[in-house]
Amino acid sequence: MNHYLKAALLGTMLVTAGCGQTESEAPAEPVAGQAACPKADSNGVIEIEPGIVARILKPGYGRMLQSKDYADVHATLWLYDESAEGGRGLEVWSSGGTQPFQFQVDSGQVIKGWDLGVKCMLIGEKRELRIPPELAYGQRGRPPVPPNATLLFDIELIKLTAPE
């Protein structure tokens, strides 16, 4: 599938109508105007909320991504398959690592699992995000994502921009 078609597909798929970096399991102290973020365990795993699990693959720096920020990300989406290596089943989409995908957090532009899973990411951070069906496309699915599919993403936050 060509790169432009893949980018269009993700944009169409994700439009529907996350989170710390230290080893403590206690929530982070919120910065003014920013919600507390759960911390990664010693393996870099974060349970964002029941069913949504993130694993830090590469740490980031700077300010944490928060609600209403614009996020520019590189991402790859797989259908989660627990029998496949790393849980990576069929690859459904990739931004290709050249043109970032941009969306505004908590604005209804992406699936709920993404909004929840990317909050608190730092610039340059890369995380693996596993999203259950009820926070993705649910019982109906959205081709090529079948009904009741758990999704697995690699997401790298390239840039964040505060809303004006």
Protein backbone atom coordinates (compact mmCIF):
# COMPACT_ATOMS: atom_id res chain seq x y z
CA MET A 1 0.00 0.00 0.00
CA ASN A 2 1.52 3.38 -0.88
CA HIS A 3 2.51 5.85 1.86
CA TYR A 4 -0.15 8.45 1.01
CA LEU A 5 -2.92 5.87 0.99
CA LYS A 6 -1.74 4.52 4.35
CA ALA A 7 -1.70 8.04 5.84
CA ALA A 8 -5.22 8.70 4.55
CA LEU A 9 -6.38 5.36 5.92
CA LEU A 10 -5.07 6.10 9.41
CA GLY A 11 -6.58 9.55 9.40
CA THR A 12 -9.92 8.01 8.47
CA MET A 13 -9.54 5.15 10.96
CA LEU A 14 -8.46 7.19 13.95
CA VAL A 15 -11.04 9.92 13.54
CA THR A 16 -14.02 8.75 15.53
CA ALA A 17 -17.06 10.30 17.08
CA GLY A 18 -1.49 8.21 28.92
CA CYS A 19 1.94 7.95 31.51
CA GLY A 20 5.11 8.94 33.44
CA GLN A 21 8.76 8.02 33.07
CA THR A 22 10.03 7.06 36.52
CA GLU A 23 10.02 3.75 38.35
CA SER A 24 7.69 4.74 41.19
CA GLU A 25 4.12 3.46 41.04
CA ALA A 26 2.70 6.46 42.90
CA PRO A 27 1.00 9.13 40.78
CA ALA A 28 3.11 12.15 39.86
CA GLU A 29 2.44 15.48 41.48
CA PRO A 30 0.40 17.52 39.04
CA VAL A 31 1.88 20.66 37.56
CA ALA A 32 -0.51 23.64 37.56
CA GLY A 33 -3.23 22.91 34.99
CA GLN A 34 -1.99 19.36 34.38
CA ALA A 35 -3.46 16.09 35.65
CA ALA A 36 -1.42 13.60 37.67
CA CYS A 37 0.24 10.90 35.57
CA PRO A 38 0.67 7.27 36.59
CA LYS A 39 4.29 6.19 36.79
CA ALA A 40 6.04 3.39 34.96
CA ASP A 41 7.11 0.35 36.96
CA SER A 42 10.69 -0.96 36.92
CA ASN A 43 10.01 -2.60 33.53
CA GLY A 44 8.76 0.65 31.99
CA VAL A 45 5.13 -0.55 32.06
CA ILE A 46 2.27 1.82 32.88
CA GLU A 47 -1.31 0.78 33.52
CA ILE A 48 -3.01 3.94 32.34
CA GLU A 49 -6.42 2.64 33.35
CA PRO A 50 -7.92 -0.84 33.40
CA GLY A 51 -7.31 -2.37 29.98
CA ILE A 52 -4.93 0.28 28.62
CA VAL A 53 -1.29 -0.63 29.07
CA ALA A 54 1.72 1.33 27.86
CA ARG A 55 5.37 0.34 27.85
CA ILE A 56 8.08 2.99 27.55
CA LEU A 57 10.41 2.01 24.72
CA LYS A 58 12.47 5.21 24.71
CA PRO A 59 12.36 7.99 27.32
CA GLY A 60 11.62 11.57 26.34
CA TYR A 61 12.29 15.03 27.74
CA GLY A 62 10.56 18.35 28.44
CA ARG A 63 6.94 19.12 29.20
CA MET A 64 4.34 16.36 29.34
CA LEU A 65 1.61 16.17 26.70
CA GLN A 66 -1.71 17.19 28.20
CA SER A 67 -5.35 17.67 27.28
CA LYS A 68 -5.97 20.02 24.32
CA ASP A 69 -2.29 20.02 23.23
CA TYR A 70 -1.59 19.25 19.58
CA ALA A 71 0.53 16.12 19.20
CA ASP A 72 2.66 15.28 16.18
CA VAL A 73 3.46 11.57 16.28
CA HIS A 74 4.97 8.78 14.25
CA ALA A 75 2.95 5.62 14.77
CA THR A 76 2.47 2.05 13.64
CA LEU A 77 -0.70 0.05 14.28
CA TRP A 78 -0.96 -3.72 14.55
CA LEU A 79 -3.87 -5.94 15.43
CA TYR A 80 -2.87 -7.39 18.79
CA ASP A 81 -2.25 -11.14 18.63
CA GLU A 82 -0.97 -12.71 21.85
CA SER A 83 0.44 -15.67 19.89
CA ALA A 84 2.56 -13.42 17.63
CA GLU A 85 6.03 -12.21 18.57
CA GLY A 86 5.62 -9.12 20.76
CA GLY A 87 1.85 -9.34 20.26
CA ARG A 88 2.28 -7.80 16.82
CA GLY A 89 -0.25 -9.41 14.52
CA LEU A 90 -1.23 -7.94 11.18
CA GLU A 91 0.24 -4.46 10.56
CA VAL A 92 -2.67 -2.23 9.64
CA TRP A 93 -1.05 1.18 9.26
CA SER A 94 2.18 3.14 9.68
CA SER A 95 2.93 6.84 9.35
CA GLY A 96 6.12 5.72 7.61
CA GLY A 97 8.36 7.77 9.89
CA THR A 98 8.44 10.70 7.47
CA GLN A 99 5.24 12.74 7.80
CA PRO A 100 3.96 12.91 11.40
CA PHE A 101 0.27 12.39 12.14
CA GLN A 102 -1.15 15.40 14.04
CA PHE A 103 -4.20 15.50 16.30
CA GLN A 104 -5.49 17.46 19.28
CA VAL A 105 -5.70 15.46 22.51
CA ASP A 106 -9.21 15.13 23.99
CA SER A 107 -10.94 16.75 21.02
CA GLY A 108 -12.65 13.64 19.62
CA GLN A 109 -10.28 13.39 16.63
CA VAL A 110 -8.90 9.95 17.54
CA ILE A 111 -10.10 6.84 19.34
CA LYS A 112 -10.57 7.22 23.09
CA GLY A 113 -7.69 4.82 23.82
CA TRP A 114 -5.26 7.14 22.01
CA ASP A 115 -6.45 10.21 23.92
CA LEU A 116 -5.96 8.33 27.19
CA GLY A 117 -2.74 6.60 26.15
CA VAL A 118 -0.72 9.57 24.91
CA LYS A 119 -1.35 11.98 27.77
CA CYS A 120 1.78 12.57 29.81
CA MET A 121 4.14 11.53 26.99
CA LEU A 122 7.30 13.59 26.66
CA ILE A 123 8.83 14.88 23.44
CA GLY A 124 10.98 12.15 21.90
CA GLU A 125 9.33 9.45 24.00
CA LYS A 126 8.37 6.26 22.24
CA ARG A 127 5.84 3.93 23.81
CA GLU A 128 3.99 0.79 22.95
CA LEU A 129 0.28 1.19 23.66
CA ARG A 130 -2.20 -1.69 23.90
CA ILE A 131 -5.82 -0.56 23.59
CA PRO A 132 -8.82 -2.82 24.30
CA PRO A 133 -11.74 -2.95 21.82
CA GLU A 134 -14.08 -0.88 23.99
CA LEU A 135 -11.66 2.07 23.77
CA ALA A 136 -10.95 1.49 20.07
CA TYR A 137 -13.55 0.39 17.48
CA GLY A 138 -15.59 -1.93 19.70
CA GLN A 139 -18.09 -4.49 18.48
CA ARG A 140 -18.54 -2.88 15.07
CA GLY A 141 -14.88 -2.61 14.12
CA ARG A 142 -13.80 -0.31 11.31
CA PRO A 143 -12.28 -2.00 8.26
CA PRO A 144 -9.58 -3.13 8.10
CA VAL A 145 -9.90 -3.43 11.92
CA PRO A 146 -12.28 -6.32 12.69
CA PRO A 147 -14.94 -6.23 15.43
CA ASN A 148 -13.68 -6.60 19.01
CA ALA A 149 -10.02 -6.13 18.05
CA THR A 150 -7.40 -5.16 20.61
CA LEU A 151 -4.96 -2.72 19.01
CA LEU A 152 -1.23 -2.39 19.52
CA PHE A 153 0.53 0.86 18.61
CA ASP A 154 4.10 2.09 18.67
CA ILE A 155 3.82 5.85 19.13
CA GLU A 156 6.66 8.39 19.17
CA LEU A 157 5.88 11.96 20.18
CA ILE A 158 7.81 14.17 17.77
CA LYS A 159 6.38 17.55 18.73
CA LEU A 160 3.76 19.01 21.06
CA THR A 161 2.12 22.39 20.69
CA ALA A 162 0.00 24.08 23.32
CA PRO A 163 -3.39 25.36 22.14
CA GLU A 164 -3.67 29.09 21.57
